[in-house]
Amino acid sequence: MPQLIYTRYAAWYRLLDPLEDHREEGASFARMLHEGVSGEAKTLLELGSGAGNCAHYMKPFFDRVTLTDLSPAMLELSRQINPECEHLQGDMRTLRLERRFDAVIAQDAVTYMSTEKDLRDVAQTIFEHLRPGGAALVSPDCTRESRGEASEYHSRDDGAYSLRGVEWMHDPDPDDTVYTVDYALLLRHKGKVEMVHDRHLEGLFSLEDWTRTFTDAGFRVWWERHIEAEEIGPPFSPVVMLCRRD
């Protein structure tokens, strides 16, 4: 099922996920990557960059930034705030740019990896795009250890666009490797209101699953505190995974 907020309703996306909410997170991620890289960290590749919110606050820390995403609509939103960055369409499971970077990041979008094969494919993509000594940061929204039910109300306006809605995270089947995020949204534009239900199925794996998969791919793995997630609280993961290709 396509995620409607990333495609048909992308014009409302920044009302659901405002740019300024990523200021501290982006700077924190960039600093972690610089600390993880052996040698200089000048080039960054982001897999699943979405609307470019996090990249906007990471790019001052790097000389060159390449942003990739499945959704053309999200890439267009990103170009508006990151015109100096390279933008390419691609799937993080299969992307092959035939070049290497000092640092790679896969944050929110990596949560859509819903099978162990997806995890292995992403680990291989990251490995193929990192130079020896390069570092990667992987930040799924939720791990099995932080799993929980939560809901959030959204209410924002921007000119002719308005959004009101509820985001509900829940896990109908605790024994599988996915959980569900349902969005019930009222979207208004030029006086017309549309009601939208947008369902997202996202992956749910343990810290051990993530560690094993990336270790098997050839990385040295360690975990760091994710300050923003700790402030938000469950079910968001309070840690991020850092990996080095030695």
C-alpha atoms as a PDB file:
ATOM      1  CA  MET A   1       0.000   0.000   0.000  1.00  0.00           C
ATOM      2  CA  PRO A   2       1.552   3.349  -0.990  1.00  0.00           C
ATOM      3  CA  GLN A   3       1.989   5.888   1.797  1.00  0.00           C
ATOM      4  CA  LEU A   4      -0.294   8.716   0.677  1.00  0.00           C
ATOM      5  CA  ILE A   5       1.404  11.478   2.652  1.00  0.00           C
ATOM      6  CA  TYR A   6       4.596  10.800   0.664  1.00  0.00           C
ATOM      7  CA  THR A   7       2.850  10.851  -2.696  1.00  0.00           C
ATOM      8  CA  ARG A   8      -0.620  12.197  -3.408  1.00  0.00           C
ATOM      9  CA  TYR A   9      -0.759  14.438  -0.306  1.00  0.00           C
ATOM     10  CA  ALA A  10       2.867  15.538  -0.171  1.00  0.00           C
ATOM     11  CA  ALA A  11       1.780  19.209  -0.229  1.00  0.00           C
ATOM     12  CA  TRP A  12       0.703  18.766   3.412  1.00  0.00           C
ATOM     13  CA  TYR A  13       3.808  16.868   4.509  1.00  0.00           C
ATOM     14  CA  ARG A  14       5.581  19.728   6.283  1.00  0.00           C
ATOM     15  CA  LEU A  15       2.482  20.290   8.400  1.00  0.00           C
ATOM     16  CA  LEU A  16       2.813  16.715   9.643  1.00  0.00           C
ATOM     17  CA  ASP A  17       6.606  16.813  10.031  1.00  0.00           C
ATOM     18  CA  PRO A  18       7.895  20.409  10.351  1.00  0.00           C
ATOM     19  CA  LEU A  19      11.448  21.248   9.317  1.00  0.00           C
ATOM     20  CA  GLU A  20      12.345  22.941  12.591  1.00  0.00           C
ATOM     21  CA  ASP A  21      11.575  19.775  14.585  1.00  0.00           C
ATOM     22  CA  HIS A  22      14.780  18.228  13.187  1.00  0.00           C
ATOM     23  CA  ARG A  23      17.278  20.940  14.165  1.00  0.00           C
ATOM     24  CA  GLU A  24      18.827  19.217  17.194  1.00  0.00           C
ATOM     25  CA  GLU A  25      18.509  15.732  15.726  1.00  0.00           C
ATOM     26  CA  GLY A  26      20.291  16.628  12.472  1.00  0.00           C
ATOM     27  CA  ALA A  27      23.193  18.341  14.211  1.00  0.00           C
ATOM     28  CA  SER A  28      23.503  15.457  16.685  1.00  0.00           C
ATOM     29  CA  PHE A  29      23.550  12.837  13.921  1.00  0.00           C
ATOM     30  CA  ALA A  30      26.220  14.773  12.008  1.00  0.00           C
ATOM     31  CA  ARG A  31      28.451  14.988  15.062  1.00  0.00           C
ATOM     32  CA  MET A  32      28.050  11.255  15.742  1.00  0.00           C
ATOM     33  CA  LEU A  33      29.092  10.457  12.176  1.00  0.00           C
ATOM     34  CA  HIS A  34      32.158  12.681  12.390  1.00  0.00           C
ATOM     35  CA  GLU A  35      33.180  10.939  15.596  1.00  0.00           C
ATOM     36  CA  GLY A  36      32.654   7.532  13.999  1.00  0.00           C
ATOM     37  CA  VAL A  37      34.591   8.127  10.774  1.00  0.00           C
ATOM     38  CA  SER A  38      38.267   7.228  10.712  1.00  0.00           C
ATOM     39  CA  GLY A  39      39.927  10.221   9.026  1.00  0.00           C
ATOM     40  CA  GLU A  40      38.081  13.110   7.405  1.00  0.00           C
ATOM     41  CA  ALA A  41      34.322  13.096   6.893  1.00  0.00           C
ATOM     42  CA  LYS A  42      33.616  15.253   3.849  1.00  0.00           C
ATOM     43  CA  THR A  43      30.960  13.310   1.929  1.00  0.00           C
ATOM     44  CA  LEU A  44      27.568  12.090   3.157  1.00  0.00           C
ATOM     45  CA  LEU A  45      24.979   9.811   1.587  1.00  0.00           C
ATOM     46  CA  GLU A  46      21.482   9.659   3.057  1.00  0.00           C
ATOM     47  CA  LEU A  47      19.250   6.699   2.205  1.00  0.00           C
ATOM     48  CA  GLY A  48      15.533   7.492   2.439  1.00  0.00           C
ATOM     49  CA  SER A  49      16.066  11.229   2.879  1.00  0.00           C
ATOM     50  CA  GLY A  50      12.357  12.074   2.535  1.00  0.00           C
ATOM     51  CA  ALA A  51      11.616  15.799   2.491  1.00  0.00           C
ATOM     52  CA  GLY A  52      15.211  16.592   3.454  1.00  0.00           C
ATOM     53  CA  ASN A  53      14.439  17.880   6.943  1.00  0.00           C
ATOM     54  CA  CYS A  54      17.281  16.118   8.749  1.00  0.00           C
ATOM     55  CA  ALA A  55      19.673  16.711   5.846  1.00  0.00           C
ATOM     56  CA  HIS A  56      19.018  20.445   6.098  1.00  0.00           C
ATOM     57  CA  TYR A  57      20.695  20.478   9.508  1.00  0.00           C
ATOM     58  CA  MET A  58      23.396  17.910   8.673  1.00  0.00           C
ATOM     59  CA  LYS A  59      24.688  19.506   5.462  1.00  0.00           C
ATOM     60  CA  PRO A  60      26.746  22.273   7.141  1.00  0.00           C
ATOM     61  CA  PHE A  61      28.974  19.536   8.582  1.00  0.00           C
ATOM     62  CA  PHE A  62      29.916  18.052   5.173  1.00  0.00           C
ATOM     63  CA  ASP A  63      31.377  19.313   1.891  1.00  0.00           C
ATOM     64  CA  ARG A  64      29.078  17.236  -0.345  1.00  0.00           C
ATOM     65  CA  VAL A  65      25.726  15.631   0.454  1.00  0.00           C
ATOM     66  CA  THR A  66      23.823  13.147  -1.723  1.00  0.00           C
ATOM     67  CA  LEU A  67      20.161  12.510  -0.876  1.00  0.00           C
ATOM     68  CA  THR A  68      18.192   9.509  -2.139  1.00  0.00           C
ATOM     69  CA  ASP A  69      14.553   8.521  -1.748  1.00  0.00           C
ATOM     70  CA  LEU A  70      11.896   6.376  -3.414  1.00  0.00           C
ATOM     71  CA  SER A  71       9.355   9.203  -3.707  1.00  0.00           C
ATOM     72  CA  PRO A  72       9.767  11.878  -6.409  1.00  0.00           C
ATOM     73  CA  ALA A  73       7.404  14.113  -4.430  1.00  0.00           C
ATOM     74  CA  MET A  74       9.612  13.916  -1.341  1.00  0.00           C
ATOM     75  CA  LEU A  75      12.725  14.623  -3.396  1.00  0.00           C
ATOM     76  CA  GLU A  76      11.043  17.724  -4.809  1.00  0.00           C
ATOM     77  CA  LEU A  77      10.246  18.965  -1.300  1.00  0.00           C
ATOM     78  CA  SER A  78      13.867  18.382  -0.342  1.00  0.00           C
ATOM     79  CA  ARG A  79      15.196  20.304  -3.342  1.00  0.00           C
ATOM     80  CA  GLN A  80      13.297  23.352  -2.129  1.00  0.00           C
ATOM     81  CA  ILE A  81      15.296  23.533   1.111  1.00  0.00           C
ATOM     82  CA  ASN A  82      18.493  21.738   0.017  1.00  0.00           C
ATOM     83  CA  PRO A  83      19.151  23.040  -3.528  1.00  0.00           C
ATOM     84  CA  GLU A  84      22.913  22.592  -3.186  1.00  0.00           C
ATOM     85  CA  CYS A  85      22.607  18.848  -2.468  1.00  0.00           C
ATOM     86  CA  GLU A  86      22.550  16.074  -5.066  1.00  0.00           C
ATOM     87  CA  HIS A  87      19.136  14.352  -5.263  1.00  0.00           C
ATOM     88  CA  LEU A  88      18.637  10.866  -6.720  1.00  0.00           C
ATOM     89  CA  GLN A  89      15.648   8.530  -6.779  1.00  0.00           C
ATOM     90  CA  GLY A  90      16.339   5.033  -5.511  1.00  0.00           C
ATOM     91  CA  ASP A  91      15.393   2.204  -3.153  1.00  0.00           C
ATOM     92  CA  MET A  92      17.746   1.783  -0.184  1.00  0.00           C
ATOM     93  CA  ARG A  93      17.581  -1.995  -0.599  1.00  0.00           C
ATOM     94  CA  THR A  94      18.888  -2.017  -4.171  1.00  0.00           C
ATOM     95  CA  LEU A  95      20.626   1.335  -4.731  1.00  0.00           C
ATOM     96  CA  ARG A  96      24.098   1.104  -6.259  1.00  0.00           C
ATOM     97  CA  LEU A  97      25.777   4.408  -7.155  1.00  0.00           C
ATOM     98  CA  GLU A  98      29.185   2.825  -7.868  1.00  0.00           C
ATOM     99  CA  ARG A  99      30.957   5.307  -5.578  1.00  0.00           C
ATOM    100  CA  ARG A 100      31.865   5.475  -1.927  1.00  0.00           C
ATOM    101  CA  PHE A 101      31.264   8.032   0.792  1.00  0.00           C
ATOM    102  CA  ASP A 102      32.853   8.925   4.109  1.00  0.00           C
ATOM    103  CA  ALA A 103      29.521   8.636   5.906  1.00  0.00           C
ATOM    104  CA  VAL A 104      26.092   7.105   5.277  1.00  0.00           C
ATOM    105  CA  ILE A 105      22.882   7.632   7.230  1.00  0.00           C
ATOM    106  CA  ALA A 106      19.574   5.768   7.135  1.00  0.00           C
ATOM    107  CA  GLN A 107      17.199   7.180   9.735  1.00  0.00           C
ATOM    108  CA  ASP A 108      13.373   7.331   9.708  1.00  0.00           C
ATOM    109  CA  ALA A 109      12.867   5.586   6.364  1.00  0.00           C
ATOM    110  CA  VAL A 110      14.838   2.512   7.454  1.00  0.00           C
ATOM    111  CA  THR A 111      11.854   1.763   9.705  1.00  0.00           C
ATOM    112  CA  TYR A 112       9.965   0.622   6.599  1.00  0.00           C
ATOM    113  CA  MET A 113      12.246  -2.408   6.306  1.00  0.00           C
ATOM    114  CA  SER A 114       9.816  -5.100   7.431  1.00  0.00           C
ATOM    115  CA  THR A 115      11.665  -8.396   6.838  1.00  0.00           C
ATOM    116  CA  GLU A 116      15.069  -9.791   7.748  1.00  0.00           C
ATOM    117  CA  LYS A 117      15.913  -9.802   4.046  1.00  0.00           C
ATOM    118  CA  ASP A 118      15.162  -6.070   3.931  1.00  0.00           C
ATOM    119  CA  LEU A 119      17.634  -5.540   6.785  1.00  0.00           C
ATOM    120  CA  ARG A 120      20.310  -7.590   5.031  1.00  0.00           C
ATOM    121  CA  ASP A 121      19.772  -5.696   1.788  1.00  0.00           C
ATOM    122  CA  VAL A 122      20.068  -2.304   3.488  1.00  0.00           C
ATOM    123  CA  ALA A 123      23.201  -3.397   5.345  1.00  0.00           C
ATOM    124  CA  GLN A 124      24.759  -4.459   2.042  1.00  0.00           C
ATOM    125  CA  THR A 125      23.782  -1.178   0.358  1.00  0.00           C
ATOM    126  CA  ILE A 126      25.420   0.802   3.145  1.00  0.00           C
ATOM    127  CA  PHE A 127      28.537  -1.376   3.058  1.00  0.00           C
ATOM    128  CA  GLU A 128      28.883  -0.950  -0.720  1.00  0.00           C
ATOM    129  CA  HIS A 129      28.705   2.844  -0.421  1.00  0.00           C
ATOM    130  CA  LEU A 130      31.151   3.323   2.477  1.00  0.00           C
ATOM    131  CA  ARG A 131      34.881   3.699   2.060  1.00  0.00           C
ATOM    132  CA  PRO A 132      37.105   1.711   4.439  1.00  0.00           C
ATOM    133  CA  GLY A 133      37.101   3.630   7.701  1.00  0.00           C
ATOM    134  CA  GLY A 134      33.765   5.221   6.863  1.00  0.00           C
ATOM    135  CA  ALA A 135      30.896   5.285   9.348  1.00  0.00           C
ATOM    136  CA  ALA A 136      27.151   4.750   9.076  1.00  0.00           C
ATOM    137  CA  LEU A 137      24.353   5.775  11.402  1.00  0.00           C
ATOM    138  CA  VAL A 138      21.133   3.759  11.412  1.00  0.00           C
ATOM    139  CA  SER A 139      18.163   5.053  13.402  1.00  0.00           C
ATOM    140  CA  PRO A 140      14.906   3.075  13.248  1.00  0.00           C
ATOM    141  CA  ASP A 141      11.962   4.789  14.915  1.00  0.00           C
ATOM    142  CA  CYS A 142      11.204   1.767  17.049  1.00  0.00           C
ATOM    143  CA  THR A 143      12.902  -1.427  18.223  1.00  0.00           C
ATOM    144  CA  ARG A 144      11.311  -4.429  19.893  1.00  0.00           C
ATOM    145  CA  GLU A 145      12.723  -3.250  23.228  1.00  0.00           C
ATOM    146  CA  SER A 146      10.995   0.145  22.972  1.00  0.00           C
ATOM    147  CA  ARG A 147       7.756  -1.143  21.451  1.00  0.00           C
ATOM    148  CA  GLY A 148       4.578   0.346  22.846  1.00  0.00           C
ATOM    149  CA  GLU A 149       1.282   1.878  21.831  1.00  0.00           C
ATOM    150  CA  ALA A 150       1.113   5.647  21.447  1.00  0.00           C
ATOM    151  CA  SER A 151      -0.903   8.330  19.711  1.00  0.00           C
ATOM    152  CA  GLU A 152      -0.223  11.920  18.739  1.00  0.00           C
ATOM    153  CA  TYR A 153      -2.465  14.780  17.645  1.00  0.00           C
ATOM    154  CA  HIS A 154      -1.381  17.018  14.760  1.00  0.00           C
ATOM    155  CA  SER A 155      -2.707  20.514  14.132  1.00  0.00           C
ATOM    156  CA  ARG A 156      -0.909  22.976  11.839  1.00  0.00           C
ATOM    157  CA  ASP A 157      -1.627  25.619   9.225  1.00  0.00           C
ATOM    158  CA  ASP A 158       0.507  27.074   6.449  1.00  0.00           C
ATOM    159  CA  GLY A 159      -1.153  29.573   4.140  1.00  0.00           C
ATOM    160  CA  ALA A 160      -3.845  27.836   2.117  1.00  0.00           C
ATOM    161  CA  TYR A 161      -3.008  24.418   3.625  1.00  0.00           C
ATOM    162  CA  SER A 162      -4.302  23.141   6.970  1.00  0.00           C
ATOM    163  CA  LEU A 163      -3.996  19.747   8.662  1.00  0.00           C
ATOM    164  CA  ARG A 164      -5.751  18.212  11.648  1.00  0.00           C
ATOM    165  CA  GLY A 165      -5.295  14.585  12.536  1.00  0.00           C
ATOM    166  CA  VAL A 166      -4.310  11.709  14.775  1.00  0.00           C
ATOM    167  CA  GLU A 167      -1.295   9.403  14.442  1.00  0.00           C
ATOM    168  CA  TRP A 168      -1.793   6.043  16.172  1.00  0.00           C
ATOM    169  CA  MET A 169       1.078   3.552  16.606  1.00  0.00           C
ATOM    170  CA  HIS A 170       0.033   0.032  17.580  1.00  0.00           C
ATOM    171  CA  ASP A 171       1.085  -3.593  17.144  1.00  0.00           C
ATOM    172  CA  PRO A 172      -1.813  -5.897  16.175  1.00  0.00           C
ATOM    173  CA  ASP A 173       0.395  -9.020  16.111  1.00  0.00           C
ATOM    174  CA  PRO A 174       3.288  -9.056  18.623  1.00  0.00           C
ATOM    175  CA  ASP A 175       4.690 -12.226  17.042  1.00  0.00           C
ATOM    176  CA  ASP A 176       5.476 -10.790  13.591  1.00  0.00           C
ATOM    177  CA  THR A 177       8.119  -8.268  12.493  1.00  0.00           C
ATOM    178  CA  VAL A 178       5.867  -5.285  11.738  1.00  0.00           C
ATOM    179  CA  TYR A 179       3.787  -2.749  13.600  1.00  0.00           C
ATOM    180  CA  THR A 180       1.148  -0.367  12.275  1.00  0.00           C
ATOM    181  CA  VAL A 181       0.975   3.411  12.174  1.00  0.00           C
ATOM    182  CA  ASP A 182      -2.456   4.738  11.202  1.00  0.00           C
ATOM    183  CA  TYR A 183      -2.999   8.371  10.270  1.00  0.00           C
ATOM    184  CA  ALA A 184      -6.536   9.777  10.315  1.00  0.00           C
ATOM    185  CA  LEU A 185      -6.184  13.187   8.666  1.00  0.00           C
ATOM    186  CA  LEU A 186      -8.430  16.091   7.776  1.00  0.00           C
ATOM    187  CA  LEU A 187      -6.740  18.082   4.997  1.00  0.00           C
ATOM    188  CA  ARG A 188      -8.015  21.500   3.995  1.00  0.00           C
ATOM    189  CA  HIS A 189      -7.017  23.511   0.942  1.00  0.00           C
ATOM    190  CA  LYS A 190      -8.810  26.605  -0.368  1.00  0.00           C
ATOM    191  CA  GLY A 191     -11.874  25.885   1.744  1.00  0.00           C
ATOM    192  CA  LYS A 192     -12.230  22.241   0.711  1.00  0.00           C
ATOM    193  CA  VAL A 193     -11.717  19.540   3.336  1.00  0.00           C
ATOM    194  CA  GLU A 194     -10.786  15.930   2.568  1.00  0.00           C
ATOM    195  CA  MET A 195     -10.641  13.045   5.050  1.00  0.00           C
ATOM    196  CA  VAL A 196      -7.755  10.603   4.547  1.00  0.00           C
ATOM    197  CA  HIS A 197      -6.792   7.332   6.229  1.00  0.00           C
ATOM    198  CA  ASP A 198      -3.120   6.561   5.582  1.00  0.00           C
ATOM    199  CA  ARG A 199      -1.782   3.236   6.940  1.00  0.00           C
ATOM    200  CA  HIS A 200       1.952   2.573   7.272  1.00  0.00           C
ATOM    201  CA  LEU A 201       3.409  -0.864   8.060  1.00  0.00           C
ATOM    202  CA  GLU A 202       6.828  -0.534   9.678  1.00  0.00           C
ATOM    203  CA  GLY A 203       9.472  -3.027  10.733  1.00  0.00           C
ATOM    204  CA  LEU A 204      10.019  -4.169  14.294  1.00  0.00           C
ATOM    205  CA  PHE A 205      13.306  -5.853  15.198  1.00  0.00           C
ATOM    206  CA  SER A 206      15.373  -6.255  18.338  1.00  0.00           C
ATOM    207  CA  LEU A 207      18.711  -4.576  18.985  1.00  0.00           C
ATOM    208  CA  GLU A 208      20.228  -8.040  18.629  1.00  0.00           C
ATOM    209  CA  ASP A 209      18.643  -8.452  15.169  1.00  0.00           C
ATOM    210  CA  TRP A 210      20.084  -5.126  13.978  1.00  0.00           C
ATOM    211  CA  THR A 211      23.509  -5.840  15.465  1.00  0.00           C
ATOM    212  CA  ARG A 212      23.759  -9.342  14.022  1.00  0.00           C
ATOM    213  CA  THR A 213      22.666  -8.265  10.548  1.00  0.00           C
ATOM    214  CA  PHE A 214      25.178  -5.440  10.273  1.00  0.00           C
ATOM    215  CA  THR A 215      27.973  -7.441  11.888  1.00  0.00           C
ATOM    216  CA  ASP A 216      27.395 -10.216   9.347  1.00  0.00           C
ATOM    217  CA  ALA A 217      27.628  -7.604   6.575  1.00  0.00           C
ATOM    218  CA  GLY A 218      31.149  -6.695   7.703  1.00  0.00           C
ATOM    219  CA  PHE A 219      30.626  -3.780  10.095  1.00  0.00           C
ATOM    220  CA  ARG A 220      31.869  -3.096  13.575  1.00  0.00           C
ATOM    221  CA  VAL A 221      28.739  -2.045  15.464  1.00  0.00           C
ATOM    222  CA  TRP A 222      28.134  -0.019  18.606  1.00  0.00           C
ATOM    223  CA  TRP A 223      25.144   1.825  20.031  1.00  0.00           C
ATOM    224  CA  GLU A 224      24.783   5.439  21.171  1.00  0.00           C
ATOM    225  CA  ARG A 225      22.096   7.311  23.096  1.00  0.00           C
ATOM    226  CA  HIS A 226      19.495   9.082  20.939  1.00  0.00           C
ATOM    227  CA  ILE A 227      18.833  12.166  23.050  1.00  0.00           C
ATOM    228  CA  GLU A 228      15.778  13.347  21.119  1.00  0.00           C
ATOM    229  CA  ALA A 229      14.090   9.926  21.314  1.00  0.00           C
ATOM    230  CA  GLU A 230      14.685   9.813  25.052  1.00  0.00           C
ATOM    231  CA  GLU A 231      12.947  13.162  25.403  1.00  0.00           C
ATOM    232  CA  ILE A 232       9.979  12.015  23.311  1.00  0.00           C
ATOM    233  CA  GLY A 233       9.742   8.706  25.154  1.00  0.00           C
ATOM    234  CA  PRO A 234       8.354   5.281  24.106  1.00  0.00           C
ATOM    235  CA  PRO A 235       7.734   3.817  21.626  1.00  0.00           C
ATOM    236  CA  PHE A 236      10.604   5.697  19.937  1.00  0.00           C
ATOM    237  CA  SER A 237      13.969   3.986  20.208  1.00  0.00           C
ATOM    238  CA  PRO A 238      16.301   5.665  22.724  1.00  0.00           C
ATOM    239  CA  VAL A 239      19.424   4.501  20.856  1.00  0.00           C
ATOM    240  CA  VAL A 240      20.970   4.730  17.390  1.00  0.00           C
ATOM    241  CA  MET A 241      23.283   2.210  15.784  1.00  0.00           C
ATOM    242  CA  LEU A 242      26.694   3.364  14.615  1.00  0.00           C
ATOM    243  CA  CYS A 243      28.714   1.168  12.281  1.00  0.00           C
ATOM    244  CA  ARG A 244      32.249   1.424  10.880  1.00  0.00           C
ATOM    245  CA  ARG A 245      33.598  -0.326   7.829  1.00  0.00           C
ATOM    246  CA  ASP A 246      37.103  -1.168   9.093  1.00  0.00           C
END
